[in-house]
Each structure stands twice: as structure tokens, then as C-alpha cells.
Amino acid sequence: MKQVLKEPTSKFIKVRCSKCKNEQIVFGKPSSIVKCLVCSKNLIEPTGGKGKIKARILEVLE
């Protein structure tokens, strides 16, 4: 009997901090606030589903 595996609905996103221009890869559905590793500005906030992105999206990674 074959089991069908669902593909994940969440993605990793490459974003650029609007304050220091640092590029960082973040998870699209975070469970906690993700801060920039350089200047500590909030990049993405949890909302119970998809995160609220507060940075510039550069690329959505598959």
C-alpha cells in the first residue's frame, strides 16, 4: 500500500533588511519573531499562519 506524502505549504524566503541591507533566509511561517542578525530589526512576525514580513522579499526558495 502506497502512502501519498503531502508537499509542505510553507517556504523559506530570502529577505533584505530595510535598515542595514543584510540578506537573510527566513521561514515563511515562523512561530516567533525573527530578527536581523546584524542590526536586530524585526524581519518577520508570527500571525498564527503565514508571517507578517517587514523586510524586502528577494526570492522565495523551493
Protein backbone atom coordinates (compact mmCIF):
# COMPACT_ATOMS: atom_id res chain seq x y z
CA MET A 1 0.00 0.00 0.00
CA LYS A 2 1.47 3.34 -1.08
CA GLN A 3 1.20 6.39 1.11
CA VAL A 4 0.92 9.76 -0.54
CA LEU A 5 3.04 12.41 1.14
CA LYS A 6 1.79 15.98 1.04
CA GLU A 7 4.16 18.69 -0.07
CA PRO A 8 4.77 21.35 2.58
CA THR A 9 2.78 24.55 2.08
CA SER A 10 5.41 26.72 3.73
CA LYS A 11 8.54 28.05 2.08
CA PHE A 12 11.83 29.64 3.00
CA ILE A 13 12.16 33.27 1.92
CA LYS A 14 15.28 35.32 1.24
CA VAL A 15 14.73 38.84 2.58
CA ARG A 16 16.79 42.04 2.81
CA CYS A 17 16.71 44.13 5.96
CA SER A 18 15.47 47.65 5.23
CA LYS A 19 17.77 49.15 7.87
CA CYS A 20 21.22 47.59 7.23
CA LYS A 21 20.65 45.80 3.86
CA ASN A 22 21.69 42.41 5.30
CA GLU A 23 20.29 39.44 3.35
CA GLN A 24 18.90 36.59 5.38
CA ILE A 25 16.86 33.41 4.79
CA VAL A 26 13.77 33.10 6.99
CA PHE A 27 10.91 30.60 7.33
CA GLY A 28 7.59 31.78 5.87
CA LYS A 29 5.51 30.54 8.85
CA PRO A 30 7.55 31.44 11.93
CA SER A 31 6.45 30.61 15.48
CA SER A 32 8.46 33.50 16.95
CA ILE A 33 9.77 36.90 15.88
CA VAL A 34 12.76 36.67 13.52
CA LYS A 35 15.28 39.48 13.89
CA CYS A 36 18.07 40.64 11.61
CA LEU A 37 21.35 39.02 12.65
CA VAL A 38 23.25 42.30 12.12
CA CYS A 39 21.07 45.13 13.49
CA SER A 40 18.32 43.21 15.39
CA LYS A 41 15.42 44.82 13.46
CA ASN A 42 12.29 42.64 13.23
CA LEU A 43 12.17 40.94 9.82
CA ILE A 44 9.10 38.72 10.23
CA GLU A 45 6.45 38.35 12.93
CA PRO A 46 4.23 35.32 13.61
CA THR A 47 0.48 35.62 12.97
CA GLY A 48 -0.67 32.04 13.57
CA GLY A 49 -0.13 31.15 9.91
CA LYS A 50 1.98 32.96 7.36
CA GLY A 51 4.26 35.51 8.97
CA LYS A 52 3.94 39.26 8.57
CA ILE A 53 7.06 40.24 6.61
CA LYS A 54 8.62 43.60 7.49
CA ALA A 55 11.55 43.38 5.06
CA ARG A 56 12.02 43.33 1.30
CA ILE A 57 11.44 39.91 -0.28
CA LEU A 58 14.22 38.99 -2.68
CA GLU A 59 13.39 35.38 -3.51
CA VAL A 60 11.09 32.53 -2.49
CA LEU A 61 13.11 29.34 -2.18
CA GLU A 62 11.63 25.98 -3.20
